[in-house]
């Protein structure tokens, strides 16, 4: 039974925010008087399945994260760990800090996450080795070669834009990180895909966007209001 499983949420705030373009970590930007990462932190703090949280941060920003956590009225245990040189390494560092049976990996800069999507991810672990949320693509997606020449076109009804949270059995995800540590991946589902595990995409909505550019702040603010 899922209700008897231990669950840790791993929040990633150690990125370089290169596309944000302000030479600062977007997770610390304020929306409606609250840090972006605080919205994600509070969402998992309120969730019925989550037992504790791990925030993966840059070493130089750990003190700042500690202050945000203290000011955030968080009731569940929060562990702050140092991130790596890539998203992949940062997740791995988070996995090493928990013994939970189930882990949820979430972008700290995705603040409009809804409880129903967290719940559905965890509950789907009864059937699958990995679960992610996403939305169906509104656009036609072309696959090209390195020179930009079109190789194929995806079927739009089967093409998804992947988001977080993503949920996994910790032991499986940890093994996949160790097995494919030299492979470059953009999300944790790819690691399981490479080993033939069955994964599920759950449909979320377009409000669950990740703050990537400075212009995204205004969009997310409207969703949060």
N, C-alpha and C. Protein backbone atom coordinates (compact mmCIF):
# COMPACT_ATOMS: atom_id res chain seq x y z
N UNK A 1 0.84 -1.20 0.00
CA UNK A 1 0.00 0.00 0.00
C UNK A 1 0.88 1.26 0.00
N UNK A 2 0.53 2.20 -0.86
CA UNK A 2 1.30 3.43 -0.96
C UNK A 2 1.29 4.21 0.35
N UNK A 3 0.18 4.17 1.05
CA UNK A 3 0.08 4.95 2.29
C UNK A 3 1.09 4.50 3.34
N UNK A 4 1.57 3.26 3.21
CA UNK A 4 2.55 2.74 4.16
C UNK A 4 3.99 2.95 3.70
N UNK A 5 4.18 3.54 2.52
CA UNK A 5 5.52 3.77 1.99
C UNK A 5 6.05 5.11 2.49
N UNK A 6 7.35 5.18 2.70
CA UNK A 6 7.97 6.46 3.06
C UNK A 6 8.27 7.24 1.79
N UNK A 7 8.04 8.55 1.85
CA UNK A 7 8.16 9.40 0.65
C UNK A 7 8.99 10.64 0.97
N UNK A 8 10.00 10.89 0.15
CA UNK A 8 10.80 12.10 0.25
C UNK A 8 10.67 12.91 -1.03
N UNK A 9 10.47 14.21 -0.89
CA UNK A 9 10.46 15.11 -2.04
C UNK A 9 11.83 15.76 -2.18
N UNK A 10 12.41 15.69 -3.36
CA UNK A 10 13.70 16.31 -3.65
C UNK A 10 13.45 17.54 -4.51
N UNK A 11 13.75 18.72 -3.96
CA UNK A 11 13.55 19.97 -4.68
C UNK A 11 14.88 20.48 -5.21
N UNK A 12 14.93 20.78 -6.48
CA UNK A 12 16.17 21.20 -7.12
C UNK A 12 16.21 22.72 -7.29
N UNK A 13 17.18 23.36 -6.62
CA UNK A 13 17.33 24.82 -6.75
C UNK A 13 18.78 25.20 -7.03
N UNK A 14 19.57 24.23 -7.52
CA UNK A 14 21.01 24.45 -7.68
C UNK A 14 21.41 24.83 -9.09
N UNK A 15 20.45 25.09 -9.96
CA UNK A 15 20.78 25.40 -11.35
C UNK A 15 21.46 26.75 -11.52
N UNK A 16 21.95 26.99 -12.73
CA UNK A 16 22.67 28.23 -13.01
C UNK A 16 21.77 29.36 -13.50
N UNK A 17 20.50 29.03 -13.82
CA UNK A 17 19.53 30.04 -14.28
C UNK A 17 20.08 30.86 -15.45
N UNK A 18 20.80 30.18 -16.34
CA UNK A 18 21.45 30.87 -17.46
C UNK A 18 20.44 31.59 -18.35
N UNK A 19 19.34 30.93 -18.66
CA UNK A 19 18.35 31.52 -19.57
C UNK A 19 17.52 32.61 -18.89
N UNK A 20 17.60 32.68 -17.57
CA UNK A 20 16.86 33.72 -16.85
C UNK A 20 17.44 35.10 -17.15
N UNK A 21 18.76 35.14 -17.35
CA UNK A 21 19.41 36.33 -17.87
C UNK A 21 19.62 37.47 -16.89
N UNK A 22 19.59 37.23 -15.60
CA UNK A 22 19.75 38.31 -14.62
C UNK A 22 20.96 38.08 -13.70
N UNK A 23 21.77 37.07 -14.02
CA UNK A 23 22.94 36.73 -13.21
C UNK A 23 22.59 36.47 -11.76
N UNK A 24 21.44 35.85 -11.55
CA UNK A 24 21.04 35.46 -10.20
C UNK A 24 20.12 34.25 -10.30
N UNK A 25 20.00 33.55 -9.18
CA UNK A 25 19.20 32.33 -9.14
C UNK A 25 17.71 32.66 -9.15
N UNK A 26 17.02 32.18 -10.18
CA UNK A 26 15.59 32.49 -10.33
C UNK A 26 14.75 31.95 -9.18
N UNK A 27 15.23 30.93 -8.50
CA UNK A 27 14.47 30.35 -7.38
C UNK A 27 14.29 31.33 -6.23
N UNK A 28 15.12 32.36 -6.18
CA UNK A 28 15.04 33.34 -5.10
C UNK A 28 14.27 34.59 -5.49
N UNK A 29 13.77 34.63 -6.73
CA UNK A 29 12.94 35.76 -7.15
C UNK A 29 11.63 35.77 -6.36
N UNK A 30 11.07 36.94 -6.19
CA UNK A 30 9.84 37.08 -5.42
C UNK A 30 8.63 37.21 -6.34
N UNK A 31 7.60 36.44 -6.05
CA UNK A 31 6.31 36.56 -6.73
C UNK A 31 5.24 36.71 -5.66
N UNK A 32 4.51 37.80 -5.72
CA UNK A 32 3.47 38.08 -4.72
C UNK A 32 4.05 38.06 -3.31
N UNK A 33 5.27 38.59 -3.16
CA UNK A 33 5.89 38.69 -1.85
C UNK A 33 6.47 37.42 -1.29
N UNK A 34 6.69 36.42 -2.15
CA UNK A 34 7.17 35.13 -1.67
C UNK A 34 8.18 34.56 -2.67
N UNK A 35 9.29 33.98 -2.15
CA UNK A 35 10.29 33.38 -3.02
C UNK A 35 9.68 32.25 -3.85
N UNK A 36 10.14 32.14 -5.10
CA UNK A 36 9.62 31.09 -5.98
C UNK A 36 9.75 29.71 -5.35
N UNK A 37 10.94 29.40 -4.81
CA UNK A 37 11.14 28.06 -4.25
C UNK A 37 10.23 27.79 -3.06
N UNK A 38 9.79 28.84 -2.37
CA UNK A 38 8.93 28.66 -1.21
C UNK A 38 7.58 28.06 -1.58
N UNK A 39 7.09 28.40 -2.77
CA UNK A 39 5.81 27.84 -3.22
C UNK A 39 5.90 26.32 -3.36
N UNK A 40 6.99 25.86 -3.98
CA UNK A 40 7.19 24.42 -4.13
C UNK A 40 7.39 23.76 -2.77
N UNK A 41 8.18 24.40 -1.93
CA UNK A 41 8.45 23.87 -0.59
C UNK A 41 7.15 23.71 0.19
N UNK A 42 6.31 24.72 0.17
CA UNK A 42 5.04 24.68 0.89
C UNK A 42 4.08 23.65 0.33
N UNK A 43 4.12 23.46 -0.99
CA UNK A 43 3.23 22.48 -1.62
C UNK A 43 3.54 21.07 -1.13
N UNK A 44 4.81 20.72 -1.04
CA UNK A 44 5.17 19.38 -0.58
C UNK A 44 5.04 19.26 0.93
N UNK A 45 5.20 20.36 1.63
CA UNK A 45 5.00 20.36 3.08
C UNK A 45 3.55 20.02 3.42
N UNK A 46 2.62 20.45 2.58
CA UNK A 46 1.19 20.22 2.81
C UNK A 46 0.72 18.86 2.32
N UNK A 47 1.52 18.20 1.50
CA UNK A 47 1.03 16.98 0.85
C UNK A 47 0.87 15.83 1.82
N UNK A 48 -0.18 15.08 1.62
CA UNK A 48 -0.54 13.99 2.54
C UNK A 48 0.44 12.82 2.51
N UNK A 49 1.17 12.64 1.41
CA UNK A 49 2.07 11.50 1.29
C UNK A 49 3.51 11.82 1.69
N UNK A 50 3.91 13.05 1.56
CA UNK A 50 5.32 13.41 1.75
C UNK A 50 5.71 13.44 3.23
N UNK A 51 6.79 12.75 3.56
CA UNK A 51 7.27 12.70 4.95
C UNK A 51 8.31 13.77 5.23
N UNK A 52 9.19 14.03 4.27
CA UNK A 52 10.22 15.04 4.45
C UNK A 52 10.68 15.55 3.10
N UNK A 53 11.52 16.56 3.13
CA UNK A 53 11.99 17.18 1.89
C UNK A 53 13.51 17.36 1.93
N UNK A 54 14.10 17.25 0.75
CA UNK A 54 15.52 17.55 0.57
C UNK A 54 15.61 18.67 -0.45
N UNK A 55 16.29 19.74 -0.09
CA UNK A 55 16.52 20.84 -1.03
C UNK A 55 17.98 20.76 -1.47
N UNK A 56 18.17 20.64 -2.77
CA UNK A 56 19.53 20.55 -3.32
C UNK A 56 19.91 21.93 -3.85
N UNK A 57 20.93 22.52 -3.25
CA UNK A 57 21.32 23.90 -3.55
C UNK A 57 22.81 24.01 -3.83
N UNK A 58 23.20 25.13 -4.44
CA UNK A 58 24.62 25.41 -4.61
C UNK A 58 25.25 25.63 -3.24
N UNK A 59 26.50 25.24 -3.11
CA UNK A 59 27.19 25.41 -1.83
C UNK A 59 27.18 26.87 -1.37
N UNK A 60 27.36 27.78 -2.32
CA UNK A 60 27.41 29.21 -1.98
C UNK A 60 26.05 29.79 -1.60
N UNK A 61 24.98 29.03 -1.83
CA UNK A 61 23.63 29.53 -1.56
C UNK A 61 22.91 28.76 -0.46
N UNK A 62 23.63 27.84 0.19
CA UNK A 62 23.00 27.02 1.23
C UNK A 62 22.47 27.87 2.38
N UNK A 63 23.24 28.87 2.80
CA UNK A 63 22.79 29.73 3.88
C UNK A 63 21.50 30.47 3.50
N UNK A 64 21.43 30.92 2.29
CA UNK A 64 20.23 31.62 1.82
C UNK A 64 19.03 30.69 1.82
N UNK A 65 19.23 29.46 1.37
CA UNK A 65 18.15 28.47 1.37
C UNK A 65 17.70 28.17 2.80
N UNK A 66 18.66 28.04 3.70
CA UNK A 66 18.33 27.80 5.11
C UNK A 66 17.44 28.92 5.66
N UNK A 67 17.75 30.15 5.31
CA UNK A 67 16.95 31.29 5.78
C UNK A 67 15.54 31.26 5.21
N UNK A 68 15.42 30.89 3.93
CA UNK A 68 14.11 30.81 3.30
C UNK A 68 13.26 29.72 3.96
N UNK A 69 13.89 28.59 4.24
CA UNK A 69 13.17 27.49 4.90
C UNK A 69 12.69 27.91 6.28
N UNK A 70 13.54 28.58 7.03
CA UNK A 70 13.18 29.03 8.38
C UNK A 70 12.02 30.01 8.37
N UNK A 71 11.98 30.85 7.36
CA UNK A 71 10.94 31.86 7.26
C UNK A 71 9.65 31.34 6.63
N UNK A 72 9.67 30.09 6.16
CA UNK A 72 8.55 29.58 5.39
C UNK A 72 7.50 28.82 6.15
N UNK A 73 7.59 28.77 7.48
CA UNK A 73 6.60 28.04 8.29
C UNK A 73 6.43 26.59 7.84
N UNK A 74 7.55 25.94 7.55
CA UNK A 74 7.53 24.54 7.12
C UNK A 74 7.44 23.63 8.34
N UNK A 75 6.55 22.66 8.29
CA UNK A 75 6.32 21.78 9.45
C UNK A 75 7.07 20.45 9.35
N UNK A 76 7.39 20.02 8.14
CA UNK A 76 8.07 18.73 7.95
C UNK A 76 9.59 18.93 7.92
N UNK A 77 10.34 17.88 8.23
CA UNK A 77 11.80 17.99 8.20
C UNK A 77 12.31 18.38 6.80
N UNK A 78 13.27 19.30 6.77
CA UNK A 78 13.90 19.71 5.51
C UNK A 78 15.40 19.55 5.65
N UNK A 79 16.00 18.82 4.72
CA UNK A 79 17.45 18.63 4.70
C UNK A 79 17.99 19.38 3.48
N UNK A 80 19.05 20.12 3.67
CA UNK A 80 19.64 20.88 2.59
C UNK A 80 20.99 20.27 2.23
N UNK A 81 21.17 19.92 0.97
CA UNK A 81 22.41 19.28 0.53
C UNK A 81 23.01 20.07 -0.62
N UNK A 82 24.28 19.89 -0.80
CA UNK A 82 25.03 20.60 -1.86
C UNK A 82 24.80 19.91 -3.20
N UNK A 83 24.50 20.70 -4.22
CA UNK A 83 24.27 20.16 -5.55
C UNK A 83 25.55 19.82 -6.28
N UNK A 84 25.40 19.30 -7.49
CA UNK A 84 26.54 18.93 -8.30
C UNK A 84 26.74 19.87 -9.46
N UNK A 85 27.51 19.44 -10.44
CA UNK A 85 27.81 20.27 -11.60
C UNK A 85 26.74 20.19 -12.68
N UNK A 86 25.76 19.31 -12.47
CA UNK A 86 24.67 19.16 -13.44
C UNK A 86 23.40 18.79 -12.67
N UNK A 87 22.29 18.88 -13.35
CA UNK A 87 21.02 18.48 -12.73
C UNK A 87 21.10 17.01 -12.30
N UNK A 88 21.69 16.20 -13.16
CA UNK A 88 21.82 14.78 -12.89
C UNK A 88 22.59 14.52 -11.59
N UNK A 89 23.71 15.22 -11.43
CA UNK A 89 24.50 15.06 -10.21
C UNK A 89 23.75 15.55 -8.99
N UNK A 90 22.99 16.63 -9.15
CA UNK A 90 22.24 17.18 -8.03
C UNK A 90 21.17 16.22 -7.54
N UNK A 91 20.48 15.58 -8.48
CA UNK A 91 19.47 14.57 -8.08
C UNK A 91 20.16 13.42 -7.35
N UNK A 92 21.29 12.99 -7.87
CA UNK A 92 22.04 11.88 -7.25
C UNK A 92 22.44 12.23 -5.81
N UNK A 93 22.89 13.44 -5.60
CA UNK A 93 23.24 13.86 -4.24
C UNK A 93 22.01 13.82 -3.33
N UNK A 94 20.87 14.22 -3.85
CA UNK A 94 19.64 14.15 -3.07
C UNK A 94 19.25 12.73 -2.73
N UNK A 95 19.39 11.82 -3.69
CA UNK A 95 19.05 10.40 -3.47
C UNK A 95 19.91 9.77 -2.39
N UNK A 96 21.15 10.22 -2.30
CA UNK A 96 22.07 9.67 -1.31
C UNK A 96 21.73 10.11 0.11
N UNK A 97 20.90 11.14 0.24
CA UNK A 97 20.57 11.68 1.55
C UNK A 97 19.27 11.16 2.13
N UNK A 98 18.63 10.21 1.44
CA UNK A 98 17.37 9.68 1.95
C UNK A 98 17.33 8.16 1.81
N UNK A 99 16.59 7.53 2.69
CA UNK A 99 16.33 6.09 2.61
C UNK A 99 14.87 5.81 2.31
N UNK A 100 14.13 6.84 1.90
CA UNK A 100 12.71 6.68 1.61
C UNK A 100 12.49 5.66 0.49
N UNK A 101 11.35 5.01 0.53
CA UNK A 101 11.03 4.03 -0.50
C UNK A 101 10.65 4.69 -1.83
N UNK A 102 10.03 5.85 -1.73
CA UNK A 102 9.60 6.59 -2.92
C UNK A 102 10.19 7.99 -2.87
N UNK A 103 10.67 8.46 -4.01
CA UNK A 103 11.18 9.84 -4.08
C UNK A 103 10.41 10.59 -5.16
N UNK A 104 10.18 11.87 -4.89
CA UNK A 104 9.56 12.77 -5.86
C UNK A 104 10.61 13.82 -6.22
N UNK A 105 10.91 13.95 -7.50
CA UNK A 105 11.88 14.95 -7.95
C UNK A 105 11.11 16.11 -8.56
N UNK A 106 11.40 17.33 -8.08
CA UNK A 106 10.65 18.49 -8.56
C UNK A 106 11.56 19.70 -8.74
N UNK A 107 11.29 20.47 -9.79
CA UNK A 107 12.01 21.71 -10.02
C UNK A 107 11.52 22.76 -9.03
N UNK A 108 12.44 23.35 -8.27
CA UNK A 108 12.05 24.38 -7.33
C UNK A 108 11.41 25.57 -8.02
N UNK A 109 11.78 25.79 -9.30
CA UNK A 109 11.27 26.94 -10.05
C UNK A 109 9.97 26.63 -10.78
N UNK A 110 9.26 25.61 -10.32
CA UNK A 110 7.94 25.28 -10.88
C UNK A 110 6.92 25.45 -9.74
N UNK A 111 6.58 26.70 -9.42
CA UNK A 111 5.88 27.00 -8.16
C UNK A 111 4.38 26.76 -8.15
N UNK A 112 3.76 26.57 -9.32
CA UNK A 112 2.30 26.46 -9.35
C UNK A 112 1.81 25.02 -9.31
N UNK A 113 2.66 24.11 -8.80
CA UNK A 113 2.29 22.70 -8.74
C UNK A 113 1.06 22.50 -7.84
N UNK A 114 0.15 21.63 -8.29
CA UNK A 114 -1.10 21.38 -7.57
C UNK A 114 -1.02 20.06 -6.81
N UNK A 115 -1.73 20.00 -5.71
CA UNK A 115 -1.73 18.80 -4.86
C UNK A 115 -2.19 17.57 -5.62
N UNK A 116 -3.16 17.74 -6.50
CA UNK A 116 -3.71 16.57 -7.20
C UNK A 116 -2.66 15.88 -8.05
N UNK A 117 -1.71 16.65 -8.61
CA UNK A 117 -0.69 16.04 -9.45
C UNK A 117 0.36 15.31 -8.60
N UNK A 118 0.68 15.88 -7.45
CA UNK A 118 1.60 15.19 -6.54
C UNK A 118 0.96 13.87 -6.09
N UNK A 119 -0.30 13.92 -5.71
CA UNK A 119 -1.01 12.73 -5.25
C UNK A 119 -1.07 11.66 -6.33
N UNK A 120 -1.42 12.06 -7.54
CA UNK A 120 -1.53 11.10 -8.63
C UNK A 120 -0.20 10.43 -8.94
N UNK A 121 0.88 11.21 -8.87
CA UNK A 121 2.21 10.64 -9.10
C UNK A 121 2.53 9.54 -8.09
N UNK A 122 2.33 9.87 -6.82
CA UNK A 122 2.65 8.90 -5.77
C UNK A 122 1.76 7.67 -5.88
N UNK A 123 0.47 7.87 -6.08
CA UNK A 123 -0.48 6.75 -6.15
C UNK A 123 -0.20 5.84 -7.35
N UNK A 124 0.33 6.40 -8.43
CA UNK A 124 0.63 5.61 -9.63
C UNK A 124 1.83 4.70 -9.44
N UNK A 125 2.58 4.90 -8.37
CA UNK A 125 3.72 4.04 -8.11
C UNK A 125 3.32 2.62 -7.73
N UNK A 126 2.03 2.38 -7.52
CA UNK A 126 1.53 1.02 -7.31
C UNK A 126 1.73 0.18 -8.57
N UNK A 127 1.67 0.84 -9.74
CA UNK A 127 1.70 0.12 -11.01
C UNK A 127 2.97 0.30 -11.83
N UNK A 128 3.66 1.44 -11.64
CA UNK A 128 4.77 1.78 -12.51
C UNK A 128 6.07 2.01 -11.74
N UNK A 129 7.19 1.88 -12.46
CA UNK A 129 8.50 2.12 -11.84
C UNK A 129 8.86 3.61 -11.85
N UNK A 130 8.20 4.35 -12.70
CA UNK A 130 8.43 5.78 -12.78
C UNK A 130 7.22 6.49 -13.34
N UNK A 131 6.96 7.69 -12.83
CA UNK A 131 5.79 8.46 -13.26
C UNK A 131 6.20 9.93 -13.40
N UNK A 132 5.68 10.59 -14.42
CA UNK A 132 5.90 12.02 -14.58
C UNK A 132 4.60 12.69 -14.98
N UNK A 133 4.51 13.99 -14.74
CA UNK A 133 3.38 14.74 -15.27
C UNK A 133 3.84 15.47 -16.52
N UNK A 134 2.89 15.82 -17.36
CA UNK A 134 3.21 16.55 -18.57
C UNK A 134 1.94 17.01 -19.25
N UNK A 135 2.11 17.76 -20.33
CA UNK A 135 0.96 18.22 -21.11
C UNK A 135 1.18 17.83 -22.57
N UNK A 136 0.09 17.56 -23.26
CA UNK A 136 0.19 17.22 -24.67
C UNK A 136 0.63 18.45 -25.46
N UNK A 137 1.49 18.23 -26.41
CA UNK A 137 2.01 19.33 -27.21
C UNK A 137 0.90 19.99 -28.01
N UNK A 138 0.89 21.33 -27.99
CA UNK A 138 -0.07 22.08 -28.80
C UNK A 138 0.44 22.25 -30.23
N UNK A 139 1.72 22.00 -30.42
CA UNK A 139 2.36 22.25 -31.71
C UNK A 139 2.84 20.96 -32.35
N UNK A 140 3.05 21.01 -33.65
CA UNK A 140 3.67 19.90 -34.35
C UNK A 140 5.17 19.91 -34.06
N UNK A 141 5.71 18.76 -33.68
CA UNK A 141 7.13 18.66 -33.32
C UNK A 141 7.89 17.92 -34.42
N UNK A 142 8.95 18.55 -34.90
CA UNK A 142 9.80 17.94 -35.92
C UNK A 142 11.10 17.44 -35.28
N UNK A 143 11.56 16.30 -35.71
CA UNK A 143 12.86 15.76 -35.30
C UNK A 143 13.84 16.04 -36.44
N UNK A 144 14.99 16.65 -36.11
CA UNK A 144 15.98 16.98 -37.15
C UNK A 144 17.31 16.31 -36.86
N UNK A 145 18.21 16.38 -37.83
CA UNK A 145 19.58 15.95 -37.59
C UNK A 145 20.39 17.13 -37.08
N UNK A 146 21.70 16.95 -36.95
CA UNK A 146 22.56 18.00 -36.38
C UNK A 146 22.60 19.26 -37.24
N UNK A 147 22.21 19.14 -38.51
CA UNK A 147 22.26 20.28 -39.43
C UNK A 147 20.90 20.96 -39.59
N UNK A 148 19.93 20.54 -38.76
CA UNK A 148 18.62 21.15 -38.85
C UNK A 148 17.74 20.59 -39.95
N UNK A 149 18.17 19.51 -40.58
CA UNK A 149 17.37 18.88 -41.64
C UNK A 149 16.34 17.95 -41.00
N UNK A 150 15.08 18.10 -41.40
CA UNK A 150 14.00 17.32 -40.79
C UNK A 150 14.16 15.84 -41.12
N UNK A 151 14.11 15.04 -40.06
CA UNK A 151 14.20 13.59 -40.21
C UNK A 151 12.84 12.93 -40.08
N UNK A 152 12.00 13.48 -39.20
CA UNK A 152 10.67 12.90 -38.99
C UNK A 152 9.78 13.88 -38.25
N UNK A 153 8.50 13.55 -38.17
CA UNK A 153 7.52 14.37 -37.47
C UNK A 153 6.79 13.50 -36.46
N UNK A 154 6.68 13.97 -35.24
CA UNK A 154 5.97 13.19 -34.22
C UNK A 154 4.46 13.29 -34.43
N UNK A 155 3.75 12.31 -33.94
CA UNK A 155 2.28 12.35 -33.94
C UNK A 155 1.87 13.22 -32.76
N UNK A 156 1.19 14.33 -33.04
CA UNK A 156 0.93 15.32 -31.99
C UNK A 156 0.15 14.73 -30.81
N UNK A 157 -0.77 13.83 -31.08
CA UNK A 157 -1.59 13.25 -29.99
C UNK A 157 -0.76 12.40 -29.05
N UNK A 158 0.42 11.96 -29.51
CA UNK A 158 1.30 11.14 -28.68
C UNK A 158 2.54 11.89 -28.22
N UNK A 159 2.59 13.20 -28.43
CA UNK A 159 3.77 13.99 -28.09
C UNK A 159 3.49 14.83 -26.85
N UNK A 160 4.34 14.70 -25.86
CA UNK A 160 4.12 15.35 -24.57
C UNK A 160 5.26 16.32 -24.23
N UNK A 161 4.89 17.41 -23.58
CA UNK A 161 5.88 18.31 -22.98
C UNK A 161 5.98 17.91 -21.52
N UNK A 162 7.14 17.43 -21.12
CA UNK A 162 7.29 16.84 -19.80
C UNK A 162 7.60 17.91 -18.74
N UNK A 163 6.98 17.75 -17.57
CA UNK A 163 7.14 18.65 -16.44
C UNK A 163 7.66 17.85 -15.24
N UNK A 164 7.65 18.47 -14.10
CA UNK A 164 7.81 17.76 -12.83
C UNK A 164 6.60 18.12 -11.97
N UNK A 165 6.26 17.31 -10.97
CA UNK A 165 7.08 16.27 -10.34
C UNK A 165 7.19 14.99 -11.15
N UNK A 166 8.29 14.27 -10.87
CA UNK A 166 8.51 12.93 -11.36
C UNK A 166 8.74 12.04 -10.14
N UNK A 167 8.15 10.86 -10.18
CA UNK A 167 8.14 10.00 -8.99
C UNK A 167 8.75 8.63 -9.32
N UNK A 168 9.54 8.10 -8.37
CA UNK A 168 10.26 6.85 -8.60
C UNK A 168 10.40 6.05 -7.31
N UNK A 169 10.63 4.75 -7.48
CA UNK A 169 11.12 3.95 -6.36
C UNK A 169 12.59 4.32 -6.19
N UNK A 170 12.96 4.72 -4.99
CA UNK A 170 14.30 5.26 -4.78
C UNK A 170 15.39 4.28 -5.20
N UNK A 171 15.27 3.02 -4.82
CA UNK A 171 16.33 2.05 -5.12
C UNK A 171 16.57 1.93 -6.62
N UNK A 172 15.48 1.94 -7.39
CA UNK A 172 15.61 1.82 -8.84
C UNK A 172 16.29 3.06 -9.41
N UNK A 173 15.82 4.25 -9.00
CA UNK A 173 16.39 5.48 -9.54
C UNK A 173 17.86 5.61 -9.15
N UNK A 174 18.20 5.25 -7.93
CA UNK A 174 19.59 5.32 -7.49
C UNK A 174 20.49 4.42 -8.34
N UNK A 175 20.02 3.21 -8.60
CA UNK A 175 20.79 2.27 -9.42
C UNK A 175 20.98 2.80 -10.84
N UNK A 176 19.93 3.43 -11.37
CA UNK A 176 20.02 3.96 -12.73
C UNK A 176 20.98 5.15 -12.80
N UNK A 177 21.00 5.96 -11.75
CA UNK A 177 21.96 7.07 -11.72
C UNK A 177 23.39 6.54 -11.69
N UNK A 178 23.60 5.47 -10.94
CA UNK A 178 24.95 4.91 -10.85
C UNK A 178 25.35 4.19 -12.14
N UNK A 179 24.39 3.56 -12.78
CA UNK A 179 24.67 2.83 -14.02
C UNK A 179 24.96 3.77 -15.18
N UNK A 180 24.22 4.87 -15.25
CA UNK A 180 24.33 5.78 -16.39
C UNK A 180 24.92 7.13 -16.00
N UNK A 181 25.81 7.13 -15.04
CA UNK A 181 26.36 8.40 -14.54
C UNK A 181 27.16 9.15 -15.59
N UNK A 182 27.63 8.45 -16.62
CA UNK A 182 28.40 9.11 -17.67
C UNK A 182 27.56 9.48 -18.89
N UNK A 183 26.26 9.19 -18.81
CA UNK A 183 25.35 9.54 -19.89
C UNK A 183 24.72 10.90 -19.59
N UNK A 184 24.51 11.70 -20.61
CA UNK A 184 23.88 13.01 -20.42
C UNK A 184 22.38 12.88 -20.63
N UNK A 185 21.62 13.18 -19.58
CA UNK A 185 20.17 13.11 -19.67
C UNK A 185 19.57 14.44 -19.19
N UNK A 186 18.35 14.71 -19.63
CA UNK A 186 17.70 15.97 -19.26
C UNK A 186 16.61 15.80 -18.21
N UNK A 187 16.21 14.56 -17.96
CA UNK A 187 15.32 14.30 -16.83
C UNK A 187 15.53 12.87 -16.35
N UNK A 188 14.99 12.57 -15.19
CA UNK A 188 15.27 11.26 -14.58
C UNK A 188 14.54 10.12 -15.26
N UNK A 189 13.42 10.42 -15.93
CA UNK A 189 12.71 9.37 -16.65
C UNK A 189 13.61 8.74 -17.72
N UNK A 190 14.46 9.55 -18.33
CA UNK A 190 15.34 9.03 -19.38
C UNK A 190 16.22 7.90 -18.89
N UNK A 191 16.66 7.99 -17.63
CA UNK A 191 17.52 6.95 -17.07
C UNK A 191 16.79 5.61 -17.03
N UNK A 192 15.52 5.63 -16.64
CA UNK A 192 14.75 4.39 -16.58
C UNK A 192 14.39 3.90 -17.97
N UNK A 193 14.11 4.84 -18.88
CA UNK A 193 13.80 4.48 -20.26
C UNK A 193 14.95 3.69 -20.86
N UNK A 194 16.18 4.14 -20.58
CA UNK A 194 17.36 3.50 -21.14
C UNK A 194 17.53 2.07 -20.67
N UNK A 195 16.86 1.72 -19.57
CA UNK A 195 16.98 0.38 -19.03
C UNK A 195 15.71 -0.44 -19.24
N UNK A 196 14.77 0.11 -20.02
CA UNK A 196 13.57 -0.65 -20.38
C UNK A 196 12.45 -0.66 -19.35
N UNK A 197 12.52 0.21 -18.36
CA UNK A 197 11.44 0.27 -17.37
C UNK A 197 10.20 0.92 -17.97
N UNK A 198 9.04 0.50 -17.45
CA UNK A 198 7.78 1.06 -17.92
C UNK A 198 7.44 2.33 -17.12
N UNK A 199 7.20 3.41 -17.85
CA UNK A 199 6.93 4.71 -17.22
C UNK A 199 5.58 5.24 -17.67
N UNK A 200 5.00 6.05 -16.83
CA UNK A 200 3.67 6.60 -17.10
C UNK A 200 3.71 8.12 -17.13
N UNK A 201 3.02 8.73 -18.11
CA UNK A 201 2.84 10.18 -18.14
C UNK A 201 1.42 10.49 -17.71
N UNK A 202 1.29 11.32 -16.70
CA UNK A 202 -0.02 11.76 -16.23
C UNK A 202 -0.26 13.18 -16.74
N UNK A 203 -1.45 13.44 -17.25
CA UNK A 203 -1.72 14.76 -17.82
C UNK A 203 -1.96 15.79 -16.73
N UNK A 204 -1.17 16.86 -16.78
CA UNK A 204 -1.35 17.97 -15.84
C UNK A 204 -1.97 19.13 -16.62
N UNK A 205 -1.50 20.35 -16.41
CA UNK A 205 -2.04 21.48 -17.16
C UNK A 205 -0.93 22.50 -17.42
N UNK A 206 -1.27 23.52 -18.19
CA UNK A 206 -0.27 24.48 -18.66
C UNK A 206 0.09 25.53 -17.60
N UNK A 207 -0.60 25.52 -16.45
CA UNK A 207 -0.21 26.45 -15.38
C UNK A 207 1.04 25.96 -14.65
N UNK A 208 1.35 24.68 -14.79
CA UNK A 208 2.48 24.09 -14.08
C UNK A 208 3.79 24.35 -14.83
N UNK A 209 4.02 25.61 -15.19
CA UNK A 209 5.21 25.93 -15.98
C UNK A 209 6.41 26.17 -15.07
N UNK A 210 7.58 26.02 -15.67
CA UNK A 210 8.82 26.29 -14.96
C UNK A 210 9.29 27.70 -15.31
N UNK A 211 9.65 28.47 -14.30
CA UNK A 211 10.22 29.79 -14.56
C UNK A 211 11.59 29.59 -15.20
N UNK A 212 11.69 29.96 -16.45
CA UNK A 212 12.93 29.78 -17.20
C UNK A 212 13.53 31.12 -17.61
N UNK A 213 12.69 32.00 -18.15
CA UNK A 213 13.14 33.34 -18.53
C UNK A 213 12.49 34.37 -17.61
N UNK A 214 13.03 35.56 -17.63
CA UNK A 214 12.51 36.63 -16.76
C UNK A 214 11.04 36.93 -17.06
N UNK A 215 10.66 36.79 -18.32
CA UNK A 215 9.27 37.06 -18.73
C UNK A 215 8.29 36.08 -18.11
N UNK A 216 8.78 34.91 -17.74
CA UNK A 216 7.90 33.89 -17.14
C UNK A 216 7.35 34.33 -15.78
N UNK A 217 8.04 35.24 -15.11
CA UNK A 217 7.60 35.69 -13.79
C UNK A 217 6.18 36.25 -13.84
N UNK A 218 5.90 37.07 -14.84
CA UNK A 218 4.58 37.67 -14.97
C UNK A 218 3.50 36.64 -15.24
N UNK A 219 3.84 35.62 -16.04
CA UNK A 219 2.88 34.56 -16.35
C UNK A 219 2.55 33.76 -15.10
N UNK A 220 3.59 33.36 -14.38
CA UNK A 220 3.39 32.56 -13.17
C UNK A 220 2.64 33.37 -12.11
N UNK A 221 2.93 34.65 -12.03
CA UNK A 221 2.24 35.50 -11.05
C UNK A 221 0.72 35.46 -11.28
N UNK A 222 0.31 35.50 -12.53
CA UNK A 222 -1.12 35.46 -12.83
C UNK A 222 -1.73 34.11 -12.42
N UNK A 223 -0.98 33.03 -12.63
CA UNK A 223 -1.48 31.71 -12.24
C UNK A 223 -1.61 31.60 -10.71
N UNK A 224 -0.62 32.12 -10.01
CA UNK A 224 -0.62 32.02 -8.54
C UNK A 224 -1.69 32.90 -7.91
N UNK A 225 -2.03 34.01 -8.58
CA UNK A 225 -3.08 34.89 -8.06
C UNK A 225 -4.44 34.21 -8.16
